[in-house]
């Protein structure tokens, strides 16, 4: 796993986000949580089953973290812990979403690093 390195020269040296030195305390391997997807596509949701493991990707238009099916269709977006996930993805850490529960149009997933 890639470790944090010292900032490149030219930085302001200030920390944002408060507490424990900003990004230096982020442990990508420890990110592990449940979330409901937002903007679920009902035409895609019908092709998903509980227990299915799907990749998480960063889409640029609109910029969002999304859960996708193997054929590339977007199931829905992740809206929890987006900042942390983005930081880890920028460090080349990949994440997956395991479908935990499907109730009507609500889809709950468990998110963890690959």
PDB file of N, CA and C in Angstrom:
ATOM      1  N   UNK A   1       0.847  -1.176   0.000  1.00  0.00           N
ATOM      2  CA  UNK A   1       0.000   0.000   0.000  1.00  0.00           C
ATOM      3  C   UNK A   1       0.887   1.232   0.000  1.00  0.00           C
ATOM      4  N   UNK A   2       0.487   2.228  -0.707  1.00  0.00           N
ATOM      5  CA  UNK A   2       1.239   3.462  -0.828  1.00  0.00           C
ATOM      6  C   UNK A   2       1.132   4.282   0.456  1.00  0.00           C
ATOM      7  N   UNK A   3       2.240   4.808   0.899  1.00  0.00           N
ATOM      8  CA  UNK A   3       2.274   5.627   2.107  1.00  0.00           C
ATOM      9  C   UNK A   3       2.226   7.101   1.742  1.00  0.00           C
ATOM     10  N   UNK A   4       1.846   7.913   2.705  1.00  0.00           N
ATOM     11  CA  UNK A   4       1.836   9.357   2.497  1.00  0.00           C
ATOM     12  C   UNK A   4       3.265   9.846   2.409  1.00  0.00           C
ATOM     13  N   UNK A   5       3.498  10.852   1.580  1.00  0.00           N
ATOM     14  CA  UNK A   5       4.824  11.444   1.464  1.00  0.00           C
ATOM     15  C   UNK A   5       4.760  12.899   1.898  1.00  0.00           C
ATOM     16  N   UNK A   6       5.916  13.486   2.081  1.00  0.00           N
ATOM     17  CA  UNK A   6       5.979  14.887   2.457  1.00  0.00           C
ATOM     18  C   UNK A   6       5.440  15.738   1.324  1.00  0.00           C
ATOM     19  N   UNK A   7       4.797  16.867   1.636  1.00  0.00           N
ATOM     20  CA  UNK A   7       4.283  17.724   0.578  1.00  0.00           C
ATOM     21  C   UNK A   7       5.424  18.291  -0.259  1.00  0.00           C
ATOM     22  N   UNK A   8       5.133  18.553  -1.521  1.00  0.00           N
ATOM     23  CA  UNK A   8       6.124  19.145  -2.406  1.00  0.00           C
ATOM     24  C   UNK A   8       6.320  20.602  -2.012  1.00  0.00           C
ATOM     25  N   UNK A   9       7.456  21.171  -2.389  1.00  0.00           N
ATOM     26  CA  UNK A   9       7.731  22.549  -2.035  1.00  0.00           C
ATOM     27  C   UNK A   9       6.704  23.481  -2.651  1.00  0.00           C
ATOM     28  N   UNK A  10       6.536  24.638  -2.032  1.00  0.00           N
ATOM     29  CA  UNK A  10       5.583  25.613  -2.536  1.00  0.00           C
ATOM     30  C   UNK A  10       4.255  25.565  -1.819  1.00  0.00           C
ATOM     31  N   UNK A  11       4.048  24.602  -0.916  1.00  0.00           N
ATOM     32  CA  UNK A  11       2.797  24.511  -0.182  1.00  0.00           C
ATOM     33  C   UNK A  11       2.750  25.538   0.933  1.00  0.00           C
ATOM     34  N   UNK A  12       1.586  25.802   1.403  1.00  0.00           N
ATOM     35  CA  UNK A  12       1.423  26.802   2.449  1.00  0.00           C
ATOM     36  C   UNK A  12       1.764  26.251   3.816  1.00  0.00           C
ATOM     37  N   UNK A  13       1.763  24.915   3.946  1.00  0.00           N
ATOM     38  CA  UNK A  13       2.079  24.316   5.226  1.00  0.00           C
ATOM     39  C   UNK A  13       0.912  24.282   6.179  1.00  0.00           C
ATOM     40  N   UNK A  14      -0.225  24.833   5.806  1.00  0.00           N
ATOM     41  CA  UNK A  14      -1.372  24.823   6.704  1.00  0.00           C
ATOM     42  C   UNK A  14      -2.176  23.553   6.521  1.00  0.00           C
ATOM     43  N   UNK A  15      -2.901  23.197   7.542  1.00  0.00           N
ATOM     44  CA  UNK A  15      -3.726  21.995   7.515  1.00  0.00           C
ATOM     45  C   UNK A  15      -5.185  22.392   7.461  1.00  0.00           C
ATOM     46  N   UNK A  16      -5.947  21.721   6.613  1.00  0.00           N
ATOM     47  CA  UNK A  16      -7.379  21.991   6.578  1.00  0.00           C
ATOM     48  C   UNK A  16      -8.132  20.784   7.096  1.00  0.00           C
ATOM     49  N   UNK A  17      -9.338  21.008   7.520  1.00  0.00           N
ATOM     50  CA  UNK A  17     -10.159  19.904   7.977  1.00  0.00           C
ATOM     51  C   UNK A  17     -10.136  19.728   9.479  1.00  0.00           C
ATOM     52  N   UNK A  18      -9.153  20.290  10.148  1.00  0.00           N
ATOM     53  CA  UNK A  18      -9.103  20.239  11.594  1.00  0.00           C
ATOM     54  C   UNK A  18      -8.810  18.867  12.153  1.00  0.00           C
ATOM     55  N   UNK A  19      -8.217  18.828  13.325  1.00  0.00           N
ATOM     56  CA  UNK A  19      -7.967  17.592  14.036  1.00  0.00           C
ATOM     57  C   UNK A  19      -6.951  16.682  13.387  1.00  0.00           C
ATOM     58  N   UNK A  20      -6.009  16.206  14.121  1.00  0.00           N
ATOM     59  CA  UNK A  20      -5.060  15.180  13.723  1.00  0.00           C
ATOM     60  C   UNK A  20      -4.315  15.477  12.423  1.00  0.00           C
ATOM     61  N   UNK A  21      -4.122  16.728  12.064  1.00  0.00           N
ATOM     62  CA  UNK A  21      -3.257  17.065  10.949  1.00  0.00           C
ATOM     63  C   UNK A  21      -3.838  16.861   9.580  1.00  0.00           C
ATOM     64  N   UNK A  22      -5.120  16.937   9.389  1.00  0.00           N
ATOM     65  CA  UNK A  22      -5.716  16.827   8.051  1.00  0.00           C
ATOM     66  C   UNK A  22      -5.578  15.448   7.468  1.00  0.00           C
ATOM     67  N   UNK A  23      -5.057  15.368   6.218  1.00  0.00           N
ATOM     68  CA  UNK A  23      -4.968  14.109   5.478  1.00  0.00           C
ATOM     69  C   UNK A  23      -4.039  13.092   6.120  1.00  0.00           C
ATOM     70  N   UNK A  24      -3.074  13.519   6.929  1.00  0.00           N
ATOM     71  CA  UNK A  24      -2.077  12.584   7.432  1.00  0.00           C
ATOM     72  C   UNK A  24      -2.697  11.459   8.252  1.00  0.00           C
ATOM     73  N   UNK A  25      -3.901  11.642   8.771  1.00  0.00           N
ATOM     74  CA  UNK A  25      -4.533  10.605   9.567  1.00  0.00           C
ATOM     75  C   UNK A  25      -5.468   9.699   8.785  1.00  0.00           C
ATOM     76  N   UNK A  26      -5.592   9.901   7.474  1.00  0.00           N
ATOM     77  CA  UNK A  26      -6.511   9.106   6.679  1.00  0.00           C
ATOM     78  C   UNK A  26      -5.930   7.723   6.408  1.00  0.00           C
ATOM     79  N   UNK A  27      -6.637   6.685   6.828  1.00  0.00           N
ATOM     80  CA  UNK A  27      -6.222   5.308   6.598  1.00  0.00           C
ATOM     81  C   UNK A  27      -7.206   4.684   5.613  1.00  0.00           C
ATOM     82  N   UNK A  28      -6.825   4.642   4.348  1.00  0.00           N
ATOM     83  CA  UNK A  28      -7.713   4.144   3.294  1.00  0.00           C
ATOM     84  C   UNK A  28      -8.119   2.692   3.519  1.00  0.00           C
ATOM     85  N   UNK A  29      -7.237   1.901   4.093  1.00  0.00           N
ATOM     86  CA  UNK A  29      -7.538   0.487   4.334  1.00  0.00           C
ATOM     87  C   UNK A  29      -8.613   0.313   5.400  1.00  0.00           C
ATOM     88  N   UNK A  30      -8.819   1.344   6.216  1.00  0.00           N
ATOM     89  CA  UNK A  30      -9.805   1.250   7.300  1.00  0.00           C
ATOM     90  C   UNK A  30     -11.184   1.764   6.900  1.00  0.00           C
ATOM     91  N   UNK A  31     -11.313   2.303   5.702  1.00  0.00           N
ATOM     92  CA  UNK A  31     -12.626   2.800   5.264  1.00  0.00           C
ATOM     93  C   UNK A  31     -13.526   1.601   5.004  1.00  0.00           C
ATOM     94  N   UNK A  32     -14.635   1.563   5.707  1.00  0.00           N
ATOM     95  CA  UNK A  32     -15.501   0.400   5.688  1.00  0.00           C
ATOM     96  C   UNK A  32     -16.843   0.838   6.274  1.00  0.00           C
ATOM     97  N   UNK A  33     -17.882   0.987   5.427  1.00  0.00           N
ATOM     98  CA  UNK A  33     -19.156   1.505   5.926  1.00  0.00           C
ATOM     99  C   UNK A  33     -20.312   1.081   5.019  1.00  0.00           C
ATOM    100  N   UNK A  34     -21.526   1.227   5.547  1.00  0.00           N
ATOM    101  CA  UNK A  34     -22.745   0.958   4.799  1.00  0.00           C
ATOM    102  C   UNK A  34     -23.358   2.277   4.359  1.00  0.00           C
ATOM    103  N   UNK A  35     -24.008   2.252   3.198  1.00  0.00           N
ATOM    104  CA  UNK A  35     -24.643   3.474   2.689  1.00  0.00           C
ATOM    105  C   UNK A  35     -25.763   3.099   1.741  1.00  0.00           C
ATOM    106  N   UNK A  36     -26.750   3.984   1.653  1.00  0.00           N
ATOM    107  CA  UNK A  36     -27.783   3.851   0.635  1.00  0.00           C
ATOM    108  C   UNK A  36     -27.336   4.642  -0.580  1.00  0.00           C
ATOM    109  N   UNK A  37     -27.510   4.076  -1.759  1.00  0.00           N
ATOM    110  CA  UNK A  37     -27.163   4.771  -2.989  1.00  0.00           C
ATOM    111  C   UNK A  37     -28.197   5.843  -3.274  1.00  0.00           C
ATOM    112  N   UNK A  38     -27.765   6.932  -3.873  1.00  0.00           N
ATOM    113  CA  UNK A  38     -28.695   7.959  -4.314  1.00  0.00           C
ATOM    114  C   UNK A  38     -28.777   7.906  -5.833  1.00  0.00           C
ATOM    115  N   UNK A  39     -29.805   8.524  -6.364  1.00  0.00           N
ATOM    116  CA  UNK A  39     -30.022   8.585  -7.821  1.00  0.00           C
ATOM    117  C   UNK A  39     -29.969   7.202  -8.461  1.00  0.00           C
ATOM    118  N   UNK A  40     -30.602   6.227  -7.810  1.00  0.00           N
ATOM    119  CA  UNK A  40     -30.615   4.855  -8.336  1.00  0.00           C
ATOM    120  C   UNK A  40     -31.396   4.821  -9.646  1.00  0.00           C
ATOM    121  N   UNK A  41     -30.804   4.204 -10.654  1.00  0.00           N
ATOM    122  CA  UNK A  41     -31.469   4.038 -11.951  1.00  0.00           C
ATOM    123  C   UNK A  41     -32.365   2.802 -11.871  1.00  0.00           C
ATOM    124  N   UNK A  42     -33.683   2.964 -11.908  1.00  0.00           N
ATOM    125  CA  UNK A  42     -34.584   1.817 -11.750  1.00  0.00           C
ATOM    126  C   UNK A  42     -34.435   0.770 -12.851  1.00  0.00           C
ATOM    127  N   UNK A  43     -34.003   1.176 -14.036  1.00  0.00           N
ATOM    128  CA  UNK A  43     -33.823   0.192 -15.115  1.00  0.00           C
ATOM    129  C   UNK A  43     -32.586  -0.668 -14.871  1.00  0.00           C
ATOM    130  N   UNK A  44     -31.635  -0.152 -14.116  1.00  0.00           N
ATOM    131  CA  UNK A  44     -30.426  -0.914 -13.785  1.00  0.00           C
ATOM    132  C   UNK A  44     -30.651  -1.714 -12.507  1.00  0.00           C
ATOM    133  N   UNK A  45     -31.391  -1.163 -11.558  1.00  0.00           N
ATOM    134  CA  UNK A  45     -31.621  -1.806 -10.265  1.00  0.00           C
ATOM    135  C   UNK A  45     -32.269  -3.183 -10.412  1.00  0.00           C
ATOM    136  N   UNK A  46     -33.085  -3.362 -11.430  1.00  0.00           N
ATOM    137  CA  UNK A  46     -33.729  -4.656 -11.651  1.00  0.00           C
ATOM    138  C   UNK A  46     -32.765  -5.763 -12.007  1.00  0.00           C
ATOM    139  N   UNK A  47     -31.534  -5.409 -12.367  1.00  0.00           N
ATOM    140  CA  UNK A  47     -30.529  -6.402 -12.751  1.00  0.00           C
ATOM    141  C   UNK A  47     -29.514  -6.681 -11.645  1.00  0.00           C
ATOM    142  N   UNK A  48     -29.798  -6.202 -10.435  1.00  0.00           N
ATOM    143  CA  UNK A  48     -28.862  -6.346  -9.321  1.00  0.00           C
ATOM    144  C   UNK A  48     -29.464  -7.259  -8.260  1.00  0.00           C
ATOM    145  N   UNK A  49     -28.595  -8.061  -7.640  1.00  0.00           N
ATOM    146  CA  UNK A  49     -29.044  -8.975  -6.583  1.00  0.00           C
ATOM    147  C   UNK A  49     -28.269  -8.726  -5.302  1.00  0.00           C
ATOM    148  N   UNK A  50     -28.893  -9.046  -4.166  1.00  0.00           N
ATOM    149  CA  UNK A  50     -28.218  -8.969  -2.878  1.00  0.00           C
ATOM    150  C   UNK A  50     -27.002  -9.895  -2.922  1.00  0.00           C
ATOM    151  N   UNK A  51     -25.888  -9.414  -2.415  1.00  0.00           N
ATOM    152  CA  UNK A  51     -24.647 -10.188  -2.405  1.00  0.00           C
ATOM    153  C   UNK A  51     -23.728  -9.879  -3.572  1.00  0.00           C
ATOM    154  N   UNK A  52     -24.248  -9.198  -4.578  1.00  0.00           N
ATOM    155  CA  UNK A  52     -23.436  -8.857  -5.746  1.00  0.00           C
ATOM    156  C   UNK A  52     -22.369  -7.830  -5.360  1.00  0.00           C
ATOM    157  N   UNK A  53     -21.162  -8.018  -5.873  1.00  0.00           N
ATOM    158  CA  UNK A  53     -20.044  -7.126  -5.596  1.00  0.00           C
ATOM    159  C   UNK A  53     -19.763  -6.320  -6.852  1.00  0.00           C
ATOM    160  N   UNK A  54     -19.792  -4.987  -6.701  1.00  0.00           N
ATOM    161  CA  UNK A  54     -19.662  -4.088  -7.846  1.00  0.00           C
ATOM    162  C   UNK A  54     -18.572  -3.056  -7.604  1.00  0.00           C
ATOM    163  N   UNK A  55     -17.894  -2.629  -8.662  1.00  0.00           N
ATOM    164  CA  UNK A  55     -16.852  -1.616  -8.500  1.00  0.00           C
ATOM    165  C   UNK A  55     -17.422  -0.216  -8.299  1.00  0.00           C
ATOM    166  N   UNK A  56     -16.601   0.621  -7.688  1.00  0.00           N
ATOM    167  CA  UNK A  56     -16.908   2.036  -7.515  1.00  0.00           C
ATOM    168  C   UNK A  56     -15.970   2.805  -8.434  1.00  0.00           C
ATOM    169  N   UNK A  57     -16.537   3.728  -9.201  1.00  0.00           N
ATOM    170  CA  UNK A  57     -15.747   4.509 -10.143  1.00  0.00           C
ATOM    171  C   UNK A  57     -16.014   5.991  -9.945  1.00  0.00           C
ATOM    172  N   UNK A  58     -15.057   6.795 -10.348  1.00  0.00           N
ATOM    173  CA  UNK A  58     -15.217   8.240 -10.341  1.00  0.00           C
ATOM    174  C   UNK A  58     -15.619   8.660 -11.747  1.00  0.00           C
ATOM    175  N   UNK A  59     -16.795   9.245 -11.870  1.00  0.00           N
ATOM    176  CA  UNK A  59     -17.249   9.776 -13.155  1.00  0.00           C
ATOM    177  C   UNK A  59     -17.055  11.286 -13.149  1.00  0.00           C
ATOM    178  N   UNK A  60     -16.746  11.818 -14.318  1.00  0.00           N
ATOM    179  CA  UNK A  60     -16.435  13.249 -14.375  1.00  0.00           C
ATOM    180  C   UNK A  60     -17.616  14.121 -14.776  1.00  0.00           C
ATOM    181  N   UNK A  61     -18.649  13.565 -15.399  1.00  0.00           N
ATOM    182  CA  UNK A  61     -19.765  14.400 -15.866  1.00  0.00           C
ATOM    183  C   UNK A  61     -21.093  13.755 -15.540  1.00  0.00           C
ATOM    184  N   UNK A  62     -21.767  14.132 -14.485  1.00  0.00           N
ATOM    185  CA  UNK A  62     -21.284  15.057 -13.458  1.00  0.00           C
ATOM    186  C   UNK A  62     -20.281  14.344 -12.559  1.00  0.00           C
ATOM    187  N   UNK A  63     -19.455  15.100 -11.881  1.00  0.00           N
ATOM    188  CA  UNK A  63     -18.431  14.501 -11.014  1.00  0.00           C
ATOM    189  C   UNK A  63     -19.133  13.794  -9.860  1.00  0.00           C
ATOM    190  N   UNK A  64     -18.972  12.486  -9.824  1.00  0.00           N
ATOM    191  CA  UNK A  64     -19.630  11.692  -8.790  1.00  0.00           C
ATOM    192  C   UNK A  64     -18.932  10.353  -8.641  1.00  0.00           C
ATOM    193  N   UNK A  65     -19.030   9.796  -7.430  1.00  0.00           N
ATOM    194  CA  UNK A  65     -18.593   8.423  -7.205  1.00  0.00           C
ATOM    195  C   UNK A  65     -19.802   7.542  -7.430  1.00  0.00           C
ATOM    196  N   UNK A  66     -19.685   6.604  -8.349  1.00  0.00           N
ATOM    197  CA  UNK A  66     -20.827   5.782  -8.709  1.00  0.00           C
ATOM    198  C   UNK A  66     -20.499   4.304  -8.612  1.00  0.00           C
ATOM    199  N   UNK A  67     -21.540   3.514  -8.406  1.00  0.00           N
ATOM    200  CA  UNK A  67     -21.444   2.061  -8.412  1.00  0.00           C
ATOM    201  C   UNK A  67     -21.899   1.609  -9.790  1.00  0.00           C
ATOM    202  N   UNK A  68     -21.086   0.776 -10.436  1.00  0.00           N
ATOM    203  CA  UNK A  68     -21.385   0.364 -11.808  1.00  0.00           C
ATOM    204  C   UNK A  68     -21.512  -1.148 -11.924  1.00  0.00           C
ATOM    205  N   UNK A  69     -22.298  -1.574 -12.906  1.00  0.00           N
ATOM    206  CA  UNK A  69     -22.411  -2.978 -13.239  1.00  0.00           C
ATOM    207  C   UNK A  69     -21.268  -3.357 -14.174  1.00  0.00           C
ATOM    208  N   UNK A  70     -20.994  -4.655 -14.322  1.00  0.00           N
ATOM    209  CA  UNK A  70     -19.905  -5.081 -15.200  1.00  0.00           C
ATOM    210  C   UNK A  70     -20.033  -4.566 -16.637  1.00  0.00           C
ATOM    211  N   UNK A  71     -21.256  -4.312 -17.080  1.00  0.00           N
ATOM    212  CA  UNK A  71     -21.439  -3.821 -18.459  1.00  0.00           C
ATOM    213  C   UNK A  71     -21.304  -2.300 -18.556  1.00  0.00           C
ATOM    214  N   UNK A  72     -20.951  -1.635 -17.434  1.00  0.00           N
ATOM    215  CA  UNK A  72     -20.708  -0.206 -17.456  1.00  0.00           C
ATOM    216  C   UNK A  72     -21.891   0.667 -17.098  1.00  0.00           C
ATOM    217  N   UNK A  73     -23.081   0.085 -16.926  1.00  0.00           N
ATOM    218  CA  UNK A  73     -24.242   0.894 -16.553  1.00  0.00           C
ATOM    219  C   UNK A  73     -24.117   1.348 -15.106  1.00  0.00           C
ATOM    220  N   UNK A  74     -24.513   2.588 -14.847  1.00  0.00           N
ATOM    221  CA  UNK A  74     -24.432   3.170 -13.503  1.00  0.00           C
ATOM    222  C   UNK A  74     -25.662   2.782 -12.704  1.00  0.00           C
ATOM    223  N   UNK A  75     -25.427   2.168 -11.533  1.00  0.00           N
ATOM    224  CA  UNK A  75     -26.522   1.791 -10.642  1.00  0.00           C
ATOM    225  C   UNK A  75     -26.975   2.988  -9.801  1.00  0.00           C
ATOM    226  N   UNK A  76     -26.037   3.700  -9.202  1.00  0.00           N
ATOM    227  CA  UNK A  76     -26.369   4.837  -8.356  1.00  0.00           C
ATOM    228  C   UNK A  76     -25.118   5.490  -7.833  1.00  0.00           C
ATOM    229  N   UNK A  77     -25.294   6.576  -7.088  1.00  0.00           N
ATOM    230  CA  UNK A  77     -24.170   7.374  -6.598  1.00  0.00           C
ATOM    231  C   UNK A  77     -23.969   7.191  -5.099  1.00  0.00           C
ATOM    232  N   UNK A  78     -22.740   7.375  -4.683  1.00  0.00           N
ATOM    233  CA  UNK A  78     -22.384   7.343  -3.267  1.00  0.00           C
ATOM    234  C   UNK A  78     -22.336   8.783  -2.768  1.00  0.00           C
ATOM    235  N   UNK A  79     -22.999   9.037  -1.637  1.00  0.00           N
ATOM    236  CA  UNK A  79     -23.014  10.389  -1.091  1.00  0.00           C
ATOM    237  C   UNK A  79     -22.426  10.466   0.318  1.00  0.00           C
ATOM    238  N   UNK A  80     -22.050   9.339   0.892  1.00  0.00           N
ATOM    239  CA  UNK A  80     -21.424   9.320   2.225  1.00  0.00           C
ATOM    240  C   UNK A  80     -19.918   9.193   2.083  1.00  0.00           C
ATOM    241  N   UNK A  81     -19.196   9.888   2.917  1.00  0.00           N
ATOM    242  CA  UNK A  81     -17.735   9.816   2.993  1.00  0.00           C
ATOM    243  C   UNK A  81     -17.066  10.025   1.637  1.00  0.00           C
ATOM    244  N   UNK A  82     -17.661  10.858   0.816  1.00  0.00           N
ATOM    245  CA  UNK A  82     -17.144  11.098  -0.534  1.00  0.00           C
ATOM    246  C   UNK A  82     -15.741  11.696  -0.483  1.00  0.00           C
ATOM    247  N   UNK A  83     -15.535  12.647   0.398  1.00  0.00           N
ATOM    248  CA  UNK A  83     -14.226  13.299   0.487  1.00  0.00           C
ATOM    249  C   UNK A  83     -13.117  12.286   0.771  1.00  0.00           C
ATOM    250  N   UNK A  84     -13.344  11.403   1.746  1.00  0.00           N
ATOM    251  CA  UNK A  84     -12.349  10.398   2.091  1.00  0.00           C
ATOM    252  C   UNK A  84     -12.117   9.433   0.933  1.00  0.00           C
ATOM    253  N   UNK A  85     -13.199   8.986   0.314  1.00  0.00           N
ATOM    254  CA  UNK A  85     -13.065   8.068  -0.814  1.00  0.00           C
ATOM    255  C   UNK A  85     -12.284   8.699  -1.959  1.00  0.00           C
ATOM    256  N   UNK A  86     -12.570   9.956  -2.255  1.00  0.00           N
ATOM    257  CA  UNK A  86     -11.854  10.648  -3.333  1.00  0.00           C
ATOM    258  C   UNK A  86     -10.361  10.741  -3.031  1.00  0.00           C
ATOM    259  N   UNK A  87     -10.016  11.068  -1.805  1.00  0.00           N
ATOM    260  CA  UNK A  87      -8.600  11.149  -1.430  1.00  0.00           C
ATOM    261  C   UNK A  87      -7.910   9.804  -1.646  1.00  0.00           C
ATOM    262  N   UNK A  88      -8.567   8.736  -1.257  1.00  0.00           N
ATOM    263  CA  UNK A  88      -7.972   7.405  -1.408  1.00  0.00           C
ATOM    264  C   UNK A  88      -7.890   6.998  -2.881  1.00  0.00           C
ATOM    265  N   UNK A  89      -8.911   7.294  -3.648  1.00  0.00           N
ATOM    266  CA  UNK A  89      -8.896   6.965  -5.071  1.00  0.00           C
ATOM    267  C   UNK A  89      -7.758   7.714  -5.766  1.00  0.00           C
ATOM    268  N   UNK A  90      -7.486   8.941  -5.350  1.00  0.00           N
ATOM    269  CA  UNK A  90      -6.363   9.703  -5.903  1.00  0.00           C
ATOM    270  C   UNK A  90      -5.029   9.032  -5.577  1.00  0.00           C
ATOM    271  N   UNK A  91      -5.019   8.195  -4.543  1.00  0.00           N
ATOM    272  CA  UNK A  91      -3.818   7.441  -4.164  1.00  0.00           C
ATOM    273  C   UNK A  91      -3.834   6.036  -4.777  1.00  0.00           C
ATOM    274  N   UNK A  92      -4.724   5.829  -5.750  1.00  0.00           N
ATOM    275  CA  UNK A  92      -4.819   4.562  -6.480  1.00  0.00           C
ATOM    276  C   UNK A  92      -5.408   3.414  -5.656  1.00  0.00           C
ATOM    277  N   UNK A  93      -6.145   3.731  -4.583  1.00  0.00           N
ATOM    278  CA  UNK A  93      -6.840   2.701  -3.812  1.00  0.00           C
ATOM    279  C   UNK A  93      -8.194   2.476  -4.471  1.00  0.00           C
ATOM    280  N   UNK A  94      -8.521   1.224  -4.743  1.00  0.00           N
ATOM    281  CA  UNK A  94      -9.808   0.898  -5.356  1.00  0.00           C
ATOM    282  C   UNK A  94     -10.789   0.435  -4.285  1.00  0.00           C
ATOM    283  N   UNK A  95     -12.087   0.696  -4.552  1.00  0.00           N
ATOM    284  CA  UNK A  95     -13.136   0.309  -3.624  1.00  0.00           C
ATOM    285  C   UNK A  95     -14.204  -0.501  -4.335  1.00  0.00           C
ATOM    286  N   UNK A  96     -14.933  -1.280  -3.535  1.00  0.00           N
ATOM    287  CA  UNK A  96     -16.045  -2.059  -4.070  1.00  0.00           C
ATOM    288  C   UNK A  96     -17.262  -1.854  -3.188  1.00  0.00           C
ATOM    289  N   UNK A  97     -18.420  -2.116  -3.797  1.00  0.00           N
ATOM    290  CA  UNK A  97     -19.694  -2.009  -3.078  1.00  0.00           C
ATOM    291  C   UNK A  97     -20.388  -3.360  -3.160  1.00  0.00           C
ATOM    292  N   UNK A  98     -20.679  -3.939  -2.025  1.00  0.00           N
ATOM    293  CA  UNK A  98     -21.416  -5.201  -1.965  1.00  0.00           C
ATOM    294  C   UNK A  98     -22.864  -4.874  -1.640  1.00  0.00           C
ATOM    295  N   UNK A  99     -23.778  -5.338  -2.474  1.00  0.00           N
ATOM    296  CA  UNK A  99     -25.199  -5.054  -2.278  1.00  0.00           C
ATOM    297  C   UNK A  99     -25.685  -5.819  -1.045  1.00  0.00           C
ATOM    298  N   UNK A 100     -26.164  -5.080  -0.035  1.00  0.00           N
ATOM    299  CA  UNK A 100     -26.639  -5.673   1.210  1.00  0.00           C
ATOM    300  C   UNK A 100     -28.143  -5.877   1.230  1.00  0.00           C
ATOM    301  N   UNK A 101     -28.861  -4.896   0.679  1.00  0.00           N
ATOM    302  CA  UNK A 101     -30.310  -4.929   0.807  1.00  0.00           C
ATOM    303  C   UNK A 101     -30.933  -4.136  -0.340  1.00  0.00           C
ATOM    304  N   UNK A 102     -32.021  -4.673  -0.870  1.00  0.00           N
ATOM    305  CA  UNK A 102     -32.797  -3.979  -1.898  1.00  0.00           C
ATOM    306  C   UNK A 102     -34.237  -3.946  -1.416  1.00  0.00           C
ATOM    307  N   UNK A 103     -34.764  -2.739  -1.196  1.00  0.00           N
ATOM    308  CA  UNK A 103     -36.138  -2.577  -0.753  1.00  0.00           C
ATOM    309  C   UNK A 103     -36.783  -1.534  -1.649  1.00  0.00           C
ATOM    310  N   UNK A 104     -37.642  -1.991  -2.541  1.00  0.00           N
ATOM    311  CA  UNK A 104     -38.243  -1.067  -3.498  1.00  0.00           C
ATOM    312  C   UNK A 104     -37.149  -0.437  -4.328  1.00  0.00           C
ATOM    313  N   UNK A 105     -37.082   0.893  -4.321  1.00  0.00           N
ATOM    314  CA  UNK A 105     -36.046   1.599  -5.065  1.00  0.00           C
ATOM    315  C   UNK A 105     -34.810   1.922  -4.244  1.00  0.00           C
ATOM    316  N   UNK A 106     -34.791   1.480  -2.970  1.00  0.00           N
ATOM    317  CA  UNK A 106     -33.638   1.750  -2.102  1.00  0.00           C
ATOM    318  C   UNK A 106     -32.650   0.603  -2.172  1.00  0.00           C
ATOM    319  N   UNK A 107     -31.382   0.944  -2.387  1.00  0.00           N
ATOM    320  CA  UNK A 107     -30.338  -0.073  -2.436  1.00  0.00           C
ATOM    321  C   UNK A 107     -29.264   0.309  -1.429  1.00  0.00           C
ATOM    322  N   UNK A 108     -29.037  -0.596  -0.458  1.00  0.00           N
ATOM    323  CA  UNK A 108     -28.016  -0.402   0.538  1.00  0.00           C
ATOM    324  C   UNK A 108     -26.790  -1.227   0.158  1.00  0.00           C
ATOM    325  N   UNK A 109     -25.617  -0.610   0.257  1.00  0.00           N
ATOM    326  CA  UNK A 109     -24.374  -1.303  -0.093  1.00  0.00           C
ATOM    327  C   UNK A 109     -23.387  -1.184   1.067  1.00  0.00           C
ATOM    328  N   UNK A 110     -22.441  -2.113   1.079  1.00  0.00           N
ATOM    329  CA  UNK A 110     -21.327  -2.054   2.018  1.00  0.00           C
ATOM    330  C   UNK A 110     -20.097  -1.675   1.198  1.00  0.00           C
ATOM    331  N   UNK A 111     -19.418  -0.608   1.613  1.00  0.00           N
ATOM    332  CA  UNK A 111     -18.276  -0.089   0.867  1.00  0.00           C
ATOM    333  C   UNK A 111     -16.999  -0.408   1.623  1.00  0.00           C
ATOM    334  N   UNK A 112     -15.999  -0.935   0.874  1.00  0.00           N
ATOM    335  CA  UNK A 112     -14.720  -1.267   1.457  1.00  0.00           C
ATOM    336  C   UNK A 112     -13.650  -1.274   0.368  1.00  0.00           C
ATOM    337  N   UNK A 113     -12.378  -1.178   0.767  1.00  0.00           N
ATOM    338  CA  UNK A 113     -11.316  -1.230  -0.233  1.00  0.00           C
ATOM    339  C   UNK A 113     -11.213  -2.634  -0.822  1.00  0.00           C
ATOM    340  N   UNK A 114     -10.705  -2.701  -2.031  1.00  0.00           N
ATOM    341  CA  UNK A 114     -10.522  -4.000  -2.706  1.00  0.00           C
ATOM    342  C   UNK A 114      -9.276  -4.655  -2.154  1.00  0.00           C
TER     343      UNK A 114
END
